[in-house]
Amino acid sequence: MDLKGLRAFCNVAEFGSFSRAATALGVAQSVLSRQVSALEIELGARLFYRTGRGATPTELGEAVRGRAKSLLADSEQLLLDARGRSAFSIASARARRAVRRRFSSPSRCW
């Protein structure tokens, strides 16, 4: 199970159709369809009732939707936290190196 599949599923559920979700996301409908189909295969059940007028989540789809939204929010927060810490860590490491270089080099008195 990957985040792209969960994100595709949530977007289709939100927009009520593969084509509207694809248009809103700026991707091909076939991409979303493949991602959702792969998720359905992995879960072993259909997540949408597909009709000519759109896609409606099944009972399982509604249950998965809540958990998927939570997982996506957690993954987004993890990414933000990691980026914030890595930027701080990189800046801190550079500052520590600069201080060490400044004070550890022997002073030259001519």
N, C-alpha and C. Protein backbone atom coordinates (compact mmCIF):
# COMPACT_ATOMS: atom_id res chain seq x y z
N MET A 1 0.86 -1.17 0.00
CA MET A 1 0.00 0.00 0.00
C MET A 1 0.90 1.23 0.00
N ASP A 2 0.64 2.14 -0.90
CA ASP A 2 1.45 3.35 -0.95
C ASP A 2 0.59 4.59 -0.79
N LEU A 3 1.25 5.69 -0.47
CA LEU A 3 0.52 6.93 -0.23
C LEU A 3 -0.12 7.48 -1.50
N LYS A 4 0.51 7.24 -2.65
CA LYS A 4 -0.09 7.72 -3.91
C LYS A 4 -1.45 7.08 -4.14
N GLY A 5 -1.54 5.79 -3.88
CA GLY A 5 -2.82 5.09 -4.05
C GLY A 5 -3.87 5.62 -3.09
N LEU A 6 -3.48 5.84 -1.85
CA LEU A 6 -4.42 6.38 -0.86
C LEU A 6 -4.84 7.80 -1.23
N ARG A 7 -3.89 8.59 -1.71
CA ARG A 7 -4.20 9.96 -2.11
C ARG A 7 -5.16 9.97 -3.31
N ALA A 8 -4.90 9.09 -4.27
CA ALA A 8 -5.78 8.98 -5.44
C ALA A 8 -7.18 8.58 -5.00
N PHE A 9 -7.27 7.58 -4.13
CA PHE A 9 -8.56 7.12 -3.62
C PHE A 9 -9.33 8.26 -2.95
N CYS A 10 -8.65 9.00 -2.05
CA CYS A 10 -9.31 10.09 -1.34
C CYS A 10 -9.79 11.19 -2.28
N ASN A 11 -9.00 11.49 -3.29
CA ASN A 11 -9.40 12.53 -4.25
C ASN A 11 -10.60 12.10 -5.09
N VAL A 12 -10.62 10.85 -5.52
CA VAL A 12 -11.77 10.37 -6.28
C VAL A 12 -13.02 10.40 -5.40
N ALA A 13 -12.88 9.99 -4.15
CA ALA A 13 -14.02 10.01 -3.23
C ALA A 13 -14.51 11.44 -3.00
N GLU A 14 -13.58 12.36 -2.88
CA GLU A 14 -13.94 13.76 -2.65
C GLU A 14 -14.66 14.38 -3.85
N PHE A 15 -14.13 14.12 -5.05
CA PHE A 15 -14.71 14.73 -6.25
C PHE A 15 -15.88 13.94 -6.81
N GLY A 16 -16.02 12.68 -6.39
CA GLY A 16 -17.15 11.88 -6.85
C GLY A 16 -17.00 11.31 -8.24
N SER A 17 -15.82 11.46 -8.82
CA SER A 17 -15.60 10.94 -10.16
C SER A 17 -14.11 10.90 -10.46
N PHE A 18 -13.73 9.89 -11.23
CA PHE A 18 -12.33 9.77 -11.62
C PHE A 18 -11.92 10.93 -12.53
N SER A 19 -12.79 11.29 -13.46
CA SER A 19 -12.43 12.35 -14.41
C SER A 19 -12.34 13.71 -13.73
N ARG A 20 -13.26 14.03 -12.83
CA ARG A 20 -13.18 15.32 -12.13
C ARG A 20 -11.95 15.39 -11.23
N ALA A 21 -11.64 14.28 -10.55
CA ALA A 21 -10.45 14.24 -9.69
C ALA A 21 -9.19 14.40 -10.54
N ALA A 22 -9.15 13.73 -11.67
CA ALA A 22 -7.98 13.81 -12.55
C ALA A 22 -7.79 15.23 -13.07
N THR A 23 -8.87 15.87 -13.46
CA THR A 23 -8.81 17.24 -13.95
C THR A 23 -8.30 18.17 -12.85
N ALA A 24 -8.83 18.03 -11.64
CA ALA A 24 -8.44 18.89 -10.53
C ALA A 24 -6.96 18.69 -10.16
N LEU A 25 -6.48 17.46 -10.28
CA LEU A 25 -5.10 17.16 -9.92
C LEU A 25 -4.12 17.37 -11.07
N GLY A 26 -4.66 17.53 -12.27
CA GLY A 26 -3.80 17.72 -13.44
C GLY A 26 -3.08 16.46 -13.88
N VAL A 27 -3.73 15.31 -13.69
CA VAL A 27 -3.16 14.03 -14.13
C VAL A 27 -4.17 13.33 -15.04
N ALA A 28 -3.70 12.30 -15.72
CA ALA A 28 -4.59 11.53 -16.59
C ALA A 28 -5.53 10.68 -15.74
N GLN A 29 -6.73 10.52 -16.22
CA GLN A 29 -7.72 9.69 -15.52
C GLN A 29 -7.21 8.26 -15.37
N SER A 30 -6.51 7.77 -16.36
CA SER A 30 -6.01 6.40 -16.32
C SER A 30 -5.02 6.19 -15.17
N VAL A 31 -4.28 7.23 -14.82
CA VAL A 31 -3.32 7.15 -13.71
C VAL A 31 -4.08 6.92 -12.40
N LEU A 32 -5.10 7.73 -12.17
CA LEU A 32 -5.90 7.56 -10.96
C LEU A 32 -6.59 6.21 -10.93
N SER A 33 -7.12 5.81 -12.06
CA SER A 33 -7.81 4.53 -12.15
C SER A 33 -6.88 3.37 -11.81
N ARG A 34 -5.66 3.41 -12.34
CA ARG A 34 -4.68 2.35 -12.03
C ARG A 34 -4.30 2.35 -10.56
N GLN A 35 -4.11 3.52 -9.99
CA GLN A 35 -3.72 3.60 -8.58
C GLN A 35 -4.83 3.06 -7.67
N VAL A 36 -6.07 3.43 -7.97
CA VAL A 36 -7.19 2.96 -7.16
C VAL A 36 -7.40 1.46 -7.37
N SER A 37 -7.27 1.01 -8.60
CA SER A 37 -7.42 -0.43 -8.88
C SER A 37 -6.36 -1.24 -8.13
N ALA A 38 -5.13 -0.75 -8.10
CA ALA A 38 -4.06 -1.45 -7.37
C ALA A 38 -4.39 -1.53 -5.88
N LEU A 39 -4.94 -0.44 -5.34
CA LEU A 39 -5.34 -0.43 -3.93
C LEU A 39 -6.47 -1.42 -3.69
N GLU A 40 -7.44 -1.46 -4.60
CA GLU A 40 -8.55 -2.41 -4.46
C GLU A 40 -8.05 -3.85 -4.52
N ILE A 41 -7.11 -4.12 -5.40
CA ILE A 41 -6.55 -5.47 -5.49
C ILE A 41 -5.84 -5.82 -4.19
N GLU A 42 -5.08 -4.89 -3.68
CA GLU A 42 -4.36 -5.13 -2.43
C GLU A 42 -5.31 -5.39 -1.26
N LEU A 43 -6.40 -4.64 -1.22
CA LEU A 43 -7.37 -4.81 -0.14
C LEU A 43 -8.32 -5.98 -0.38
N GLY A 44 -8.40 -6.41 -1.64
CA GLY A 44 -9.25 -7.55 -1.97
C GLY A 44 -10.73 -7.22 -2.07
N ALA A 45 -11.05 -5.97 -2.30
CA ALA A 45 -12.46 -5.56 -2.41
C ALA A 45 -12.56 -4.23 -3.16
N ARG A 46 -13.73 -3.99 -3.70
CA ARG A 46 -14.00 -2.72 -4.40
C ARG A 46 -14.18 -1.59 -3.40
N LEU A 47 -13.63 -0.44 -3.74
CA LEU A 47 -13.78 0.74 -2.89
C LEU A 47 -14.82 1.72 -3.44
N PHE A 48 -15.18 1.54 -4.72
CA PHE A 48 -16.15 2.42 -5.36
C PHE A 48 -17.20 1.64 -6.13
N TYR A 49 -18.41 2.19 -6.15
CA TYR A 49 -19.41 1.77 -7.13
C TYR A 49 -19.18 2.70 -8.32
N ARG A 50 -18.81 2.14 -9.43
CA ARG A 50 -18.53 2.94 -10.62
C ARG A 50 -19.76 2.96 -11.52
N THR A 51 -20.17 4.17 -11.90
CA THR A 51 -21.29 4.32 -12.82
C THR A 51 -20.88 5.28 -13.92
N GLY A 52 -21.74 5.47 -14.88
CA GLY A 52 -21.47 6.43 -15.94
C GLY A 52 -21.47 7.86 -15.43
N ARG A 53 -22.03 8.06 -14.27
CA ARG A 53 -22.12 9.41 -13.70
C ARG A 53 -21.07 9.70 -12.64
N GLY A 54 -20.24 8.74 -12.34
CA GLY A 54 -19.20 9.00 -11.34
C GLY A 54 -18.86 7.76 -10.54
N ALA A 55 -18.31 8.01 -9.37
CA ALA A 55 -17.90 6.92 -8.48
C ALA A 55 -18.33 7.26 -7.06
N THR A 56 -19.00 6.30 -6.44
CA THR A 56 -19.48 6.46 -5.07
C THR A 56 -18.78 5.43 -4.19
N PRO A 57 -18.24 5.84 -3.05
CA PRO A 57 -17.56 4.87 -2.19
C PRO A 57 -18.51 3.77 -1.70
N THR A 58 -17.99 2.57 -1.68
CA THR A 58 -18.73 1.45 -1.09
C THR A 58 -18.68 1.61 0.43
N GLU A 59 -19.31 0.70 1.14
CA GLU A 59 -19.26 0.74 2.60
C GLU A 59 -17.80 0.63 3.07
N LEU A 60 -17.07 -0.29 2.45
CA LEU A 60 -15.64 -0.42 2.78
C LEU A 60 -14.90 0.85 2.39
N GLY A 61 -15.25 1.42 1.25
CA GLY A 61 -14.62 2.66 0.80
C GLY A 61 -14.78 3.78 1.81
N GLU A 62 -15.96 3.90 2.39
CA GLU A 62 -16.20 4.93 3.41
C GLU A 62 -15.35 4.67 4.65
N ALA A 63 -15.24 3.41 5.03
CA ALA A 63 -14.42 3.06 6.20
C ALA A 63 -12.95 3.34 5.93
N VAL A 64 -12.49 2.98 4.75
CA VAL A 64 -11.08 3.19 4.39
C VAL A 64 -10.79 4.68 4.26
N ARG A 65 -11.74 5.43 3.79
CA ARG A 65 -11.54 6.86 3.56
C ARG A 65 -11.12 7.60 4.83
N GLY A 66 -11.77 7.32 5.93
CA GLY A 66 -11.42 7.98 7.19
C GLY A 66 -10.00 7.66 7.61
N ARG A 67 -9.64 6.40 7.55
CA ARG A 67 -8.28 5.98 7.92
C ARG A 67 -7.25 6.54 6.95
N ALA A 68 -7.59 6.54 5.66
CA ALA A 68 -6.66 7.04 4.64
C ALA A 68 -6.38 8.53 4.86
N LYS A 69 -7.43 9.30 5.15
CA LYS A 69 -7.24 10.73 5.40
C LYS A 69 -6.31 10.95 6.59
N SER A 70 -6.50 10.15 7.62
CA SER A 70 -5.67 10.25 8.81
C SER A 70 -4.21 9.90 8.49
N LEU A 71 -3.99 8.82 7.74
CA LEU A 71 -2.64 8.43 7.35
C LEU A 71 -1.96 9.50 6.49
N LEU A 72 -2.72 10.07 5.56
CA LEU A 72 -2.16 11.10 4.70
C LEU A 72 -1.79 12.35 5.50
N ALA A 73 -2.64 12.73 6.44
CA ALA A 73 -2.34 13.88 7.29
C ALA A 73 -1.10 13.62 8.13
N ASP A 74 -1.00 12.40 8.68
CA ASP A 74 0.17 12.05 9.48
C ASP A 74 1.45 12.06 8.63
N SER A 75 1.36 11.54 7.41
CA SER A 75 2.54 11.51 6.55
C SER A 75 2.97 12.92 6.16
N GLU A 76 2.01 13.79 5.94
CA GLU A 76 2.32 15.18 5.60
C GLU A 76 2.99 15.87 6.79
N GLN A 77 2.48 15.62 7.99
CA GLN A 77 3.08 16.22 9.18
C GLN A 77 4.49 15.69 9.42
N LEU A 78 4.67 14.40 9.20
CA LEU A 78 6.00 13.80 9.34
C LEU A 78 6.99 14.45 8.38
N LEU A 79 6.56 14.67 7.16
CA LEU A 79 7.41 15.31 6.17
C LEU A 79 7.78 16.73 6.59
N LEU A 80 6.79 17.48 7.06
CA LEU A 80 7.05 18.85 7.52
C LEU A 80 8.00 18.87 8.71
N ASP A 81 7.77 17.96 9.66
CA ASP A 81 8.65 17.88 10.83
C ASP A 81 10.07 17.53 10.43
N ALA A 82 10.20 16.54 9.56
CA ALA A 82 11.53 16.10 9.14
C ALA A 82 12.25 17.20 8.38
N ARG A 83 11.55 17.89 7.52
CA ARG A 83 12.18 18.98 6.77
C ARG A 83 12.60 20.11 7.69
N GLY A 84 11.77 20.41 8.67
CA GLY A 84 12.11 21.46 9.63
C GLY A 84 13.33 21.09 10.45
N ARG A 85 13.38 19.86 10.90
CA ARG A 85 14.52 19.42 11.71
C ARG A 85 15.77 19.28 10.88
N SER A 86 15.63 18.78 9.66
CA SER A 86 16.83 18.60 8.84
C SER A 86 17.42 19.95 8.47
N ALA A 87 16.58 20.94 8.21
CA ALA A 87 17.09 22.26 7.89
C ALA A 87 17.83 22.83 9.10
N PHE A 88 17.27 22.63 10.29
CA PHE A 88 17.90 23.10 11.51
C PHE A 88 19.20 22.34 11.75
N SER A 89 19.17 21.04 11.56
CA SER A 89 20.36 20.23 11.79
C SER A 89 21.47 20.59 10.83
N ILE A 90 21.13 20.81 9.57
CA ILE A 90 22.14 21.18 8.58
C ILE A 90 22.74 22.53 8.94
N ALA A 91 21.89 23.49 9.29
CA ALA A 91 22.39 24.82 9.66
C ALA A 91 23.24 24.73 10.92
N SER A 92 22.81 23.94 11.91
CA SER A 92 23.57 23.80 13.15
C SER A 92 24.92 23.16 12.89
N ALA A 93 24.95 22.13 12.06
CA ALA A 93 26.21 21.44 11.76
C ALA A 93 27.17 22.39 11.05
N ARG A 94 26.67 23.20 10.14
CA ARG A 94 27.54 24.16 9.44
C ARG A 94 28.10 25.19 10.42
N ALA A 95 27.24 25.66 11.31
CA ALA A 95 27.68 26.66 12.28
C ALA A 95 28.74 26.06 13.21
N ARG A 96 28.52 24.82 13.66
CA ARG A 96 29.51 24.18 14.54
C ARG A 96 30.85 24.02 13.83
N ARG A 97 30.82 23.61 12.56
CA ARG A 97 32.06 23.46 11.80
C ARG A 97 32.79 24.79 11.66
N ALA A 98 32.01 25.84 11.38
CA ALA A 98 32.62 27.16 11.21
C ALA A 98 33.29 27.62 12.50
N VAL A 99 32.64 27.38 13.62
CA VAL A 99 33.20 27.78 14.91
C VAL A 99 34.46 26.98 15.19
N ARG A 100 34.43 25.67 14.95
CA ARG A 100 35.61 24.84 15.17
C ARG A 100 36.78 25.29 14.31
N ARG A 101 36.49 25.58 13.04
CA ARG A 101 37.57 26.03 12.14
C ARG A 101 38.16 27.34 12.65
N ARG A 102 37.30 28.21 13.08
CA ARG A 102 37.75 29.54 13.51
C ARG A 102 38.65 29.44 14.73
N PHE A 103 38.25 28.62 15.70
CA PHE A 103 38.98 28.58 16.96
C PHE A 103 39.98 27.42 17.07
N SER A 104 39.96 26.51 16.17
CA SER A 104 40.90 25.40 16.27
C SER A 104 42.13 25.60 15.40
N SER A 105 42.10 26.53 14.49
CA SER A 105 43.29 26.76 13.67
C SER A 105 44.32 27.51 14.51
N PRO A 106 45.57 27.09 14.39
CA PRO A 106 46.60 27.75 15.20
C PRO A 106 46.76 29.22 14.79
N SER A 107 46.90 30.06 15.79
CA SER A 107 47.10 31.46 15.45
C SER A 107 48.53 31.66 14.97
N ARG A 108 48.63 32.47 14.02
CA ARG A 108 49.95 32.71 13.44
C ARG A 108 50.44 34.09 13.88
N CYS A 109 51.46 34.06 14.57
CA CYS A 109 52.07 35.34 14.98
C CYS A 109 53.38 35.46 14.22
N TRP A 110 53.52 36.47 13.49
CA TRP A 110 54.75 36.66 12.69
C TRP A 110 55.66 37.54 13.41
